[in-house]
Amino acid sequence: MKAEDIRTKTQDQLADDLAALKKEQFNLRFQRATGQLEKTARVKQVRRDIARIKTIAAEKAAAKKG
């Protein structure tokens, strides 16, 4: 997920995407623990996407306040 794509979304859409990514991250952790994880790089991608969404959401909230 690219930052420019995230910036075009509303706060509600960002919250939905964040919830979906957190759910995926939870599932990936379970797969890793049980030895079923095939794409190990996906863990890093999801973690970075979560951080990217949180950062942009915070920027939007700060811009909205003042």
Protein backbone atom coordinates (compact mmCIF):
# COMPACT_ATOMS: atom_id res chain seq x y z
CA MET A 1 0.00 0.00 0.00
CA LYS A 2 1.44 3.34 -1.03
CA ALA A 3 1.30 6.51 1.05
CA GLU A 4 -0.32 8.49 -1.76
CA ASP A 5 -3.15 5.93 -1.93
CA ILE A 6 -3.66 6.17 1.82
CA ARG A 7 -3.74 9.98 1.78
CA THR A 8 -6.76 10.00 -0.56
CA LYS A 9 -8.87 7.98 1.90
CA THR A 10 -11.17 9.33 4.59
CA GLN A 11 -10.69 8.73 8.31
CA ASP A 12 -13.40 6.04 8.26
CA GLN A 13 -11.73 4.22 5.39
CA LEU A 14 -8.39 4.42 7.19
CA ALA A 15 -9.96 2.95 10.33
CA ASP A 16 -11.44 0.09 8.30
CA ASP A 17 -8.11 -0.61 6.59
CA LEU A 18 -6.31 -0.50 9.91
CA ALA A 19 -8.72 -3.00 11.45
CA ALA A 20 -8.31 -5.35 8.48
CA LEU A 21 -4.51 -5.14 8.68
CA LYS A 22 -4.48 -5.79 12.41
CA LYS A 23 -6.66 -8.86 11.86
CA GLU A 24 -4.29 -10.06 9.14
CA GLN A 25 -1.32 -9.44 11.41
CA PHE A 26 -2.96 -11.53 14.13
CA ASN A 27 -3.57 -14.38 11.67
CA LEU A 28 0.01 -14.18 10.40
CA ARG A 29 1.33 -14.45 13.96
CA PHE A 30 -0.73 -17.59 14.48
CA GLN A 31 0.49 -19.07 11.21
CA ARG A 32 4.10 -18.36 12.18
CA ALA A 33 3.63 -19.97 15.59
CA THR A 34 2.13 -23.12 14.10
CA GLY A 35 4.68 -23.32 11.29
CA GLN A 36 2.15 -22.73 8.51
CA LEU A 37 3.43 -19.33 7.37
CA GLU A 38 4.65 -19.46 3.77
CA LYS A 39 5.20 -15.78 2.92
CA THR A 40 7.34 -14.54 5.78
CA ALA A 41 7.90 -11.16 4.13
CA ARG A 42 4.17 -10.43 4.43
CA VAL A 43 4.61 -9.93 8.20
CA LYS A 44 6.97 -7.02 7.57
CA GLN A 45 4.70 -5.56 4.87
CA VAL A 46 1.65 -5.62 7.13
CA ARG A 47 3.56 -4.07 10.02
CA ARG A 48 4.79 -1.22 7.83
CA ASP A 49 1.34 -0.66 6.30
CA ILE A 50 -0.13 -0.36 9.80
CA ALA A 51 2.51 2.22 10.72
CA ARG A 52 1.92 4.11 7.48
CA ILE A 53 -1.84 4.29 8.09
CA LYS A 54 -1.39 5.40 11.70
CA THR A 55 1.06 8.12 10.67
CA ILE A 56 -1.18 9.54 7.97
CA ALA A 57 -4.25 9.35 10.23
CA ALA A 58 -2.36 11.31 12.87
CA GLU A 59 -1.30 13.91 10.28
CA LYS A 60 -4.89 14.32 9.14
CA ALA A 61 -6.11 14.67 12.72
CA ALA A 62 -3.46 17.31 13.46
CA ALA A 63 -4.35 19.24 10.31
CA LYS A 64 -8.01 19.14 11.23
CA LYS A 65 -7.36 20.57 14.72
CA GLY A 66 -5.38 23.52 13.63
